[in-house]
Amino acid sequence: MKQPRPYPIVTVNKKAERSVLGGHPWIYDTQLCQVIGNPENGAVVDVTTEGGKYLGTGFLSLHSKIRIRLLSRNANDRFDTRFWERRIRYAWEYRKTVMGPDTDCCRLIFGEADQFPGLTVDRFHDILVTQTLSYGMERLKPLIFPLLREALTADGQIIRGIYERNDVAIRELEGLRQYKGWYPLPQEPSAPDSCLTVITENGIRYEVDVENGQKTGFFLDQKYNRQAVARLAAGKRVLDCFTHTGSFALNAAKGGALHVCAVDISETAIAMARKNAALNHLEDRMSFRTANVFELLPQLERSHEESYDFIILDPPAFTKSRRTVDSARKGYKEINLRAMKLLPRGGYLATCSCSHFMPDELFVRMLHSAASDAGVQLRQIEARQQAPDHPVLWNVPETDYLKFYLFQVI
């Protein structure tokens, strides 16, 4: 006789069954057939077919369209302290393997890709920054957050605090409020006195403001793409568009560029980019401009006031839903077309998209179209993705989001 399971049971339809067996961890509200018992929001539930076959166990969310996020497909798992200690250890050991000694700033937990559904954890030297986007994971924070710090401390890492960046609207879809602030760790009498820390990435130092910076404070996923840009930048005049806090621009300058112009529409971002340039003693070969890239590129093309032989396009996500993909495609084409026309023959272009709703095949078609309209050809140097601390699960397309290309324009 089977040992009875301690979790409520949710039966799902054939569509959900096919998806789960195919490796995807999400089950949508329209795919539920029956909920046995009266589980509360964020509860752990077993998922079965209508015929009673076990499919997995996950978090139930009563308000989200993603009704269940699977934690495990192993019926022998028990979701106790030892289970979560193992998961954290696996995530940390993976980073040490794929990043080598380069783990002082990295993504420590990447949601579903690390089997922590709805949880992001970034490490910025001595601060962990978290974003919790599922109700079930929100309930588990008092268990998981202290374990995170303990695991790193036991491995000789110094972590002075955990800062929560839960100031995102998507939390409201889970019935969670928005806020940000230090998480009160056990045995800590008070929160750290500063939300600023300094990280070193690719030999470049950055001051990171975990309270006010975008997302969790700094974009870690382009780490090795910045190295690729630095390798090409020597002796070139570089235009870095959408510079944010100057990361691509600084890598180009450190790589030996003659001059780098860093552009962003945000005055706050430009101020931080200037500060980072000074921190690295690179300000003598850099200039900064507060401008709208969509207006600046055609202006430069018309005026011929400045010439560049390397342009970097690292825009924010132009689409965060399937409904706006066509509008996003037009935006991507506009900036790429203008950059291709602005560059001389033999110039270099780095271009990317960070939206998983813009699949690679659509991004490539856009680049083909832009090159055709610009009357140029693209000689591909490299096609890259996000750094390996943001792992891609092949059965979960949402984890495969960053497209990055390096071309010579001929």
Protein backbone atom coordinates (compact mmCIF):
# COMPACT_ATOMS: atom_id res chain seq x y z
CA MET A 1 0.00 0.00 0.00
CA LYS A 2 1.27 3.46 -0.91
CA GLN A 3 2.30 5.71 1.94
CA PRO A 4 -0.17 8.62 2.08
CA ARG A 5 1.19 11.99 0.88
CA PRO A 6 0.97 15.00 3.23
CA TYR A 7 0.11 17.50 0.50
CA PRO A 8 -3.21 18.54 -1.07
CA ILE A 9 -3.78 17.20 -4.58
CA VAL A 10 -4.43 19.18 -7.75
CA THR A 11 -5.43 17.33 -10.89
CA VAL A 12 -4.60 18.87 -14.27
CA ASN A 13 -5.64 18.40 -17.87
CA LYS A 14 -3.82 16.78 -20.78
CA LYS A 15 -2.23 20.03 -21.93
CA ALA A 16 -0.59 20.55 -18.54
CA GLU A 17 0.43 16.88 -18.44
CA ARG A 18 2.22 17.19 -21.81
CA SER A 19 3.93 20.39 -20.70
CA VAL A 20 5.14 18.95 -17.39
CA LEU A 21 6.35 15.72 -18.99
CA GLY A 22 8.16 17.90 -21.53
CA GLY A 23 10.07 19.54 -18.70
CA HIS A 24 8.28 22.85 -18.13
CA PRO A 25 7.64 23.73 -14.46
CA TRP A 26 4.61 26.01 -14.87
CA ILE A 27 0.93 25.03 -14.79
CA TYR A 28 -1.64 27.70 -15.69
CA ASP A 29 -5.00 28.43 -14.10
CA THR A 30 -6.89 27.20 -17.18
CA GLN A 31 -5.17 23.79 -16.93
CA LEU A 32 -6.52 22.81 -13.50
CA CYS A 33 -9.30 20.24 -13.30
CA GLN A 34 -9.82 19.72 -9.57
CA VAL A 35 -8.35 20.90 -6.28
CA ILE A 36 -8.81 18.37 -3.51
CA GLY A 37 -8.91 19.93 -0.07
CA ASN A 38 -8.73 23.63 0.65
CA PRO A 39 -5.04 24.60 0.29
CA GLU A 40 -4.08 28.14 1.21
CA ASN A 41 -2.20 30.56 -1.00
CA GLY A 42 1.45 29.51 -1.40
CA ALA A 43 0.85 25.98 -0.17
CA VAL A 44 2.86 23.01 -1.44
CA VAL A 45 0.60 20.71 -3.49
CA ASP A 46 0.96 17.46 -5.40
CA VAL A 47 0.04 17.54 -9.09
CA THR A 48 -1.54 14.51 -10.73
CA THR A 49 -3.22 13.60 -13.98
CA GLU A 50 -6.95 13.01 -14.00
CA GLY A 51 -6.08 9.31 -13.86
CA GLY A 52 -4.11 9.78 -10.65
CA LYS A 53 -0.55 9.64 -12.07
CA TYR A 54 1.91 11.73 -10.04
CA LEU A 55 3.52 14.55 -12.08
CA GLY A 56 5.29 16.65 -9.46
CA THR A 57 4.98 18.89 -6.43
CA GLY A 58 4.94 22.67 -6.42
CA PHE A 59 3.76 25.98 -5.03
CA LEU A 60 0.10 26.88 -5.47
CA SER A 61 -0.71 30.51 -6.24
CA LEU A 62 -4.39 31.39 -5.93
CA HIS A 63 -4.12 34.75 -7.75
CA SER A 64 -1.61 34.25 -10.54
CA LYS A 65 -2.28 32.87 -14.02
CA ILE A 66 0.75 30.68 -13.30
CA ARG A 67 -1.26 28.67 -10.79
CA ILE A 68 1.43 26.10 -9.88
CA ARG A 69 5.23 26.37 -10.06
CA LEU A 70 6.80 22.93 -9.71
CA LEU A 71 9.54 22.37 -7.17
CA SER A 72 10.27 18.72 -7.82
CA ARG A 73 9.20 15.73 -9.88
CA ASN A 74 10.55 13.29 -7.29
CA ALA A 75 7.82 11.83 -5.06
CA ASN A 76 10.45 10.99 -2.42
CA ASP A 77 11.40 14.63 -1.81
CA ARG A 78 10.40 16.24 1.46
CA PHE A 79 10.63 20.01 1.49
CA ASP A 80 12.39 20.44 4.81
CA THR A 81 15.53 22.32 5.86
CA ARG A 82 17.84 19.64 4.49
CA PHE A 83 16.12 19.81 1.08
CA TRP A 84 16.67 23.56 0.78
CA GLU A 85 20.24 23.30 2.10
CA ARG A 86 20.97 20.88 -0.75
CA ARG A 87 19.38 23.16 -3.34
CA ILE A 88 21.41 26.14 -2.13
CA ARG A 89 24.61 24.09 -2.09
CA TYR A 90 23.98 22.86 -5.65
CA ALA A 91 23.44 26.44 -6.85
CA TRP A 92 26.62 27.73 -5.19
CA GLU A 93 28.76 24.80 -6.35
CA TYR A 94 27.48 25.29 -9.89
CA ARG A 95 28.58 28.97 -9.82
CA LYS A 96 32.00 28.05 -8.51
CA THR A 97 32.38 25.51 -11.32
CA VAL A 98 31.22 27.65 -14.26
CA MET A 99 32.57 31.00 -13.03
CA GLY A 100 35.80 29.79 -11.43
CA PRO A 101 37.12 32.40 -9.01
CA ASP A 102 34.80 35.01 -10.57
CA THR A 103 31.97 34.65 -8.03
CA ASP A 104 32.38 37.85 -6.02
CA CYS A 105 29.62 39.32 -8.17
CA CYS A 106 27.30 36.81 -9.80
CA ARG A 107 23.73 35.58 -9.96
CA LEU A 108 23.57 33.03 -7.20
CA ILE A 109 20.00 31.83 -7.83
CA PHE A 110 18.17 32.18 -11.14
CA GLY A 111 14.61 31.16 -10.32
CA GLU A 112 13.34 28.11 -12.14
CA ALA A 113 16.77 27.43 -13.69
CA ASP A 114 17.99 26.61 -10.16
CA GLN A 115 14.70 25.05 -9.04
CA PHE A 116 13.83 28.02 -6.82
CA PRO A 117 10.61 29.09 -8.57
CA GLY A 118 10.10 32.83 -8.40
CA LEU A 119 13.33 33.66 -6.55
CA THR A 120 16.30 35.69 -7.83
CA VAL A 121 19.43 36.19 -5.75
CA ASP A 122 22.35 38.33 -6.93
CA ARG A 123 25.63 38.61 -5.10
CA PHE A 124 27.38 41.98 -5.09
CA HIS A 125 30.55 41.37 -3.07
CA ASP A 126 29.32 41.46 0.54
CA ILE A 127 25.59 41.98 -0.13
CA LEU A 128 22.99 39.54 -1.42
CA VAL A 129 20.08 41.16 -3.25
CA THR A 130 16.88 39.17 -3.60
CA GLN A 131 13.68 39.47 -5.60
CA THR A 132 10.80 37.18 -4.62
CA LEU A 133 8.08 36.77 -7.23
CA SER A 134 6.04 33.77 -6.07
CA TYR A 135 3.78 33.50 -3.04
CA GLY A 136 5.15 30.12 -2.05
CA MET A 137 8.73 31.35 -2.05
CA GLU A 138 7.65 34.43 -0.07
CA ARG A 139 6.41 32.13 2.68
CA LEU A 140 9.72 30.26 2.75
CA LYS A 141 12.01 33.29 3.13
CA PRO A 142 12.46 32.83 6.91
CA LEU A 143 13.94 29.40 6.14
CA ILE A 144 15.84 30.04 2.90
CA PHE A 145 17.43 33.45 3.48
CA PRO A 146 19.38 32.49 6.63
CA LEU A 147 20.46 29.27 4.88
CA LEU A 148 21.83 31.30 1.97
CA ARG A 149 24.03 33.36 4.22
CA GLU A 150 25.11 30.32 6.25
CA ALA A 151 26.14 28.40 3.12
CA LEU A 152 28.32 31.25 1.85
CA THR A 153 29.79 32.02 5.27
CA ALA A 154 30.71 28.36 5.73
CA ASP A 155 32.63 28.60 2.42
CA GLY A 156 34.66 31.58 3.62
CA GLN A 157 32.56 34.31 1.98
CA ILE A 158 31.73 37.49 3.89
CA ILE A 159 28.09 38.58 3.55
CA ARG A 160 27.02 41.57 5.62
CA GLY A 161 23.34 41.57 4.69
CA ILE A 162 20.46 40.58 2.42
CA TYR A 163 18.62 43.41 0.68
CA GLU A 164 15.17 42.80 -0.80
CA ARG A 165 14.26 44.50 -4.09
CA ASN A 166 10.59 43.58 -4.11
CA ASP A 167 9.60 46.91 -5.66
CA VAL A 168 8.22 45.33 -8.86
CA ALA A 169 4.62 45.35 -10.08
CA ILE A 170 4.67 41.65 -11.01
CA ARG A 171 4.45 40.79 -7.30
CA GLU A 172 0.91 42.14 -7.28
CA LEU A 173 -0.11 39.36 -9.68
CA GLU A 174 0.74 36.97 -6.85
CA GLY A 175 -1.17 39.01 -4.26
CA LEU A 176 2.08 40.35 -2.79
CA ARG A 177 2.83 43.96 -1.90
CA GLN A 178 5.74 45.96 -3.28
CA TYR A 179 8.56 47.14 -1.01
CA LYS A 180 12.32 47.19 -0.60
CA GLY A 181 14.61 47.04 2.41
CA TRP A 182 17.02 44.95 4.45
CA TYR A 183 15.83 41.48 5.44
CA PRO A 184 16.09 40.98 9.22
CA LEU A 185 18.48 38.06 9.57
CA PRO A 186 18.53 36.09 12.83
CA GLN A 187 21.23 37.11 15.32
CA GLU A 188 21.72 40.45 13.55
CA PRO A 189 20.91 43.30 15.97
CA SER A 190 20.62 45.90 13.20
CA ALA A 191 20.65 46.30 9.42
CA PRO A 192 23.85 47.29 7.60
CA ASP A 193 24.38 51.05 7.60
CA SER A 194 24.91 51.41 3.82
CA CYS A 195 23.22 50.15 0.65
CA LEU A 196 26.40 50.85 -1.33
CA THR A 197 29.08 48.33 -2.14
CA VAL A 198 31.96 48.09 -4.61
CA ILE A 199 32.30 45.14 -6.99
CA THR A 200 35.05 44.22 -9.42
CA GLU A 201 34.05 42.72 -12.76
CA ASN A 202 36.54 42.05 -15.58
CA GLY A 203 39.09 44.06 -13.61
CA ILE A 204 36.80 47.12 -13.50
CA ARG A 205 35.44 48.51 -10.24
CA TYR A 206 31.83 49.69 -9.89
CA GLU A 207 29.99 51.31 -7.06
CA VAL A 208 26.66 49.47 -6.80
CA ASP A 209 23.63 51.01 -5.10
CA VAL A 210 21.44 48.02 -4.26
CA GLU A 211 18.64 50.26 -3.01
CA ASN A 212 18.25 52.56 -6.03
CA GLY A 213 19.96 50.82 -8.96
CA GLN A 214 17.88 49.23 -11.70
CA LYS A 215 16.59 45.71 -11.06
CA THR A 216 18.81 44.39 -8.25
CA GLY A 217 21.43 47.13 -8.63
CA PHE A 218 23.61 46.07 -11.57
CA PHE A 219 23.22 43.91 -14.69
CA LEU A 220 25.42 40.84 -14.25
CA ASP A 221 24.29 38.86 -17.30
CA GLN A 222 26.52 40.72 -19.81
CA LYS A 223 29.76 40.09 -17.90
CA TYR A 224 31.56 38.06 -20.55
CA ASN A 225 29.95 39.92 -23.46
CA ARG A 226 31.66 43.03 -22.08
CA GLN A 227 34.96 41.17 -22.28
CA ALA A 228 34.24 40.37 -25.94
CA VAL A 229 33.67 44.09 -26.61
CA ALA A 230 36.90 45.00 -24.82
CA ARG A 231 38.88 42.66 -27.09
CA LEU A 232 37.68 44.56 -30.19
CA ALA A 233 37.89 48.09 -28.83
CA ALA A 234 41.62 48.79 -29.01
CA GLY A 235 42.40 51.85 -31.11
CA LYS A 236 38.75 52.58 -31.94
CA ARG A 237 36.33 55.43 -31.35
CA VAL A 238 33.38 53.87 -29.56
CA LEU A 239 29.76 54.98 -29.10
CA ASP A 240 28.06 53.11 -26.25
CA CYS A 241 24.28 53.57 -26.46
CA PHE A 242 22.00 52.92 -23.47
CA THR A 243 25.13 52.89 -21.30
CA HIS A 244 23.28 52.74 -17.96
CA THR A 245 26.11 52.85 -15.41
CA GLY A 246 28.78 52.66 -18.11
CA SER A 247 29.72 48.97 -18.05
CA PHE A 248 30.26 48.39 -21.80
CA ALA A 249 31.86 51.82 -22.16
CA LEU A 250 34.30 51.15 -19.32
CA ASN A 251 35.25 47.76 -20.75
CA ALA A 252 35.90 49.38 -24.14
CA ALA A 253 38.03 52.09 -22.55
CA LYS A 254 40.00 49.58 -20.50
CA GLY A 255 40.41 47.52 -23.68
CA GLY A 256 42.35 50.37 -25.28
CA ALA A 257 39.75 52.43 -27.16
CA LEU A 258 40.97 55.81 -28.36
CA HIS A 259 37.80 57.42 -27.04
CA VAL A 260 34.43 56.24 -25.75
CA CYS A 261 31.23 58.30 -25.72
CA ALA A 262 28.68 56.87 -23.26
CA VAL A 263 25.04 57.82 -23.88
CA ASP A 264 21.92 57.36 -21.77
CA ILE A 265 18.60 59.17 -21.44
CA SER A 266 18.87 59.07 -17.64
CA GLU A 267 20.90 61.82 -15.99
CA THR A 268 21.18 59.64 -12.89
CA ALA A 269 22.68 56.80 -14.93
CA ILE A 270 25.15 59.16 -16.62
CA ALA A 271 26.20 60.54 -13.23
CA MET A 272 26.91 57.01 -12.02
CA ALA A 273 28.80 56.19 -15.24
CA ARG A 274 31.00 59.26 -14.71
CA LYS A 275 31.63 58.17 -11.13
CA ASN A 276 32.61 54.67 -12.26
CA ALA A 277 34.96 56.11 -14.89
CA ALA A 278 36.70 58.17 -12.21
CA LEU A 279 36.83 55.13 -9.90
CA ASN A 280 38.83 53.33 -12.61
CA HIS A 281 40.92 56.35 -13.76
CA LEU A 282 39.46 56.08 -17.28
CA GLU A 283 37.78 59.49 -17.48
CA ASP A 284 40.53 60.93 -19.71
CA ARG A 285 39.45 58.78 -22.66
CA MET A 286 35.69 58.97 -22.05
CA SER A 287 32.89 61.48 -22.55
CA PHE A 288 29.27 61.31 -21.40
CA ARG A 289 26.06 62.49 -23.01
CA THR A 290 22.49 62.59 -21.73
CA ALA A 291 20.36 61.96 -24.82
CA ASN A 292 17.58 59.86 -26.35
CA VAL A 293 19.36 57.30 -28.55
CA PHE A 294 16.42 57.22 -31.00
CA GLU A 295 16.98 60.93 -31.59
CA LEU A 296 20.76 60.98 -31.31
CA LEU A 297 21.62 58.36 -33.95
CA PRO A 298 19.78 60.08 -36.87
CA GLN A 299 21.15 63.42 -35.66
CA LEU A 300 24.72 62.09 -35.84
CA GLU A 301 24.02 60.59 -39.26
CA ARG A 302 22.77 63.94 -40.62
CA SER A 303 25.36 66.19 -39.05
CA HIS A 304 28.53 64.10 -39.46
CA GLU A 305 29.69 65.98 -36.37
CA GLU A 306 31.35 62.91 -34.86
CA SER A 307 32.57 59.65 -36.32
CA TYR A 308 32.67 56.26 -34.64
CA ASP A 309 34.03 52.94 -35.82
CA PHE A 310 32.45 50.82 -33.06
CA ILE A 311 28.84 51.19 -31.86
CA ILE A 312 27.34 49.26 -28.95
CA LEU A 313 23.56 48.87 -28.65
CA ASP A 314 22.48 47.51 -25.26
CA PRO A 315 18.88 48.74 -24.92
CA PRO A 316 16.43 47.84 -22.16
CA ALA A 317 13.80 45.24 -23.00
CA PHE A 318 11.53 46.82 -25.62
CA THR A 319 8.85 44.22 -24.94
CA LYS A 320 7.69 42.42 -21.80
CA SER A 321 4.73 40.65 -23.41
CA ARG A 322 3.82 38.93 -26.67
CA ARG A 323 1.31 41.67 -27.45
CA THR A 324 4.03 44.28 -28.00
CA VAL A 325 6.57 42.18 -29.92
CA ASP A 326 5.88 43.87 -33.26
CA SER A 327 6.36 47.33 -31.77
CA ALA A 328 9.58 46.13 -30.13
CA ARG A 329 10.84 44.70 -33.42
CA LYS A 330 10.37 48.13 -35.03
CA GLY A 331 12.29 49.77 -32.19
CA TYR A 332 15.18 47.32 -32.48
CA LYS A 333 15.26 47.77 -36.25
CA GLU A 334 15.32 51.55 -35.97
CA ILE A 335 18.39 51.73 -33.75
CA ASN A 336 20.24 48.97 -35.61
CA LEU A 337 19.49 50.51 -39.00
CA ARG A 338 20.74 53.91 -37.81
CA ALA A 339 23.88 52.41 -36.30
CA MET A 340 24.67 50.46 -39.48
CA LYS A 341 24.27 53.62 -41.58
CA LEU A 342 26.39 55.65 -39.18
CA LEU A 343 29.30 53.20 -39.15
CA PRO A 344 31.95 53.30 -41.88
CA ARG A 345 32.63 50.17 -43.95
CA GLY A 346 34.77 47.97 -41.79
CA GLY A 347 33.24 49.36 -38.60
CA TYR A 348 32.05 47.18 -35.75
CA LEU A 349 28.64 46.69 -34.18
CA ALA A 350 27.64 45.03 -30.90
CA THR A 351 23.88 44.58 -30.60
CA CYS A 352 21.61 42.71 -28.24
CA SER A 353 18.12 42.12 -26.87
CA CYS A 354 17.34 41.13 -23.29
CA SER A 355 13.68 40.15 -23.80
CA HIS A 356 12.72 36.48 -24.02
CA PHE A 357 9.58 37.58 -25.90
CA MET A 358 11.92 38.58 -28.76
CA PRO A 359 13.15 35.11 -29.80
CA ASP A 360 16.50 34.76 -31.51
CA GLU A 361 15.02 33.92 -34.91
CA LEU A 362 12.94 37.12 -34.88
CA PHE A 363 15.91 39.20 -33.72
CA VAL A 364 18.05 37.75 -36.53
CA ARG A 365 15.35 38.48 -39.13
CA MET A 366 15.24 42.06 -37.86
CA LEU A 367 19.02 42.38 -38.26
CA HIS A 368 18.83 41.00 -41.81
CA SER A 369 16.14 43.55 -42.65
CA ALA A 370 18.06 46.44 -41.08
CA ALA A 371 21.25 45.51 -42.96
CA SER A 372 19.35 45.27 -46.24
CA ASP A 373 17.76 48.69 -45.74
CA ALA A 374 21.13 50.18 -44.76
CA GLY A 375 22.77 48.71 -47.84
CA VAL A 376 25.43 46.85 -45.87
CA GLN A 377 26.45 43.29 -45.12
CA LEU A 378 27.10 41.87 -41.69
CA ARG A 379 30.14 39.73 -41.05
CA GLN A 380 29.44 37.85 -37.85
CA ILE A 381 32.25 37.70 -35.31
CA GLU A 382 30.40 36.10 -32.41
CA ALA A 383 26.91 35.12 -31.30
CA ARG A 384 26.64 35.02 -27.51
CA GLN A 385 24.11 34.65 -24.68
CA GLN A 386 23.91 35.50 -21.00
CA ALA A 387 26.73 34.52 -18.66
CA PRO A 388 26.53 30.95 -17.30
CA ASP A 389 25.49 32.10 -13.83
CA HIS A 390 22.16 32.76 -15.61
CA PRO A 391 21.77 29.18 -16.90
CA VAL A 392 19.44 28.29 -19.76
CA LEU A 393 17.10 25.32 -19.32
CA TRP A 394 16.31 23.97 -22.78
CA ASN A 395 12.80 22.94 -21.78
CA VAL A 396 12.06 26.36 -20.23
CA PRO A 397 12.31 28.99 -22.99
CA GLU A 398 11.75 31.82 -20.50
CA THR A 399 15.30 31.24 -19.18
CA ASP A 400 16.78 31.86 -22.66
CA TYR A 401 16.41 35.59 -23.01
CA LEU A 402 19.66 37.39 -23.94
CA LYS A 403 20.78 37.61 -27.57
CA PHE A 404 24.16 39.26 -28.21
CA TYR A 405 25.88 39.64 -31.60
CA LEU A 406 29.18 41.12 -32.68
CA PHE A 407 29.53 42.09 -36.35
CA GLN A 408 31.82 43.84 -38.73
CA VAL A 409 29.81 46.03 -41.12
CA ILE A 410 31.07 45.66 -44.70
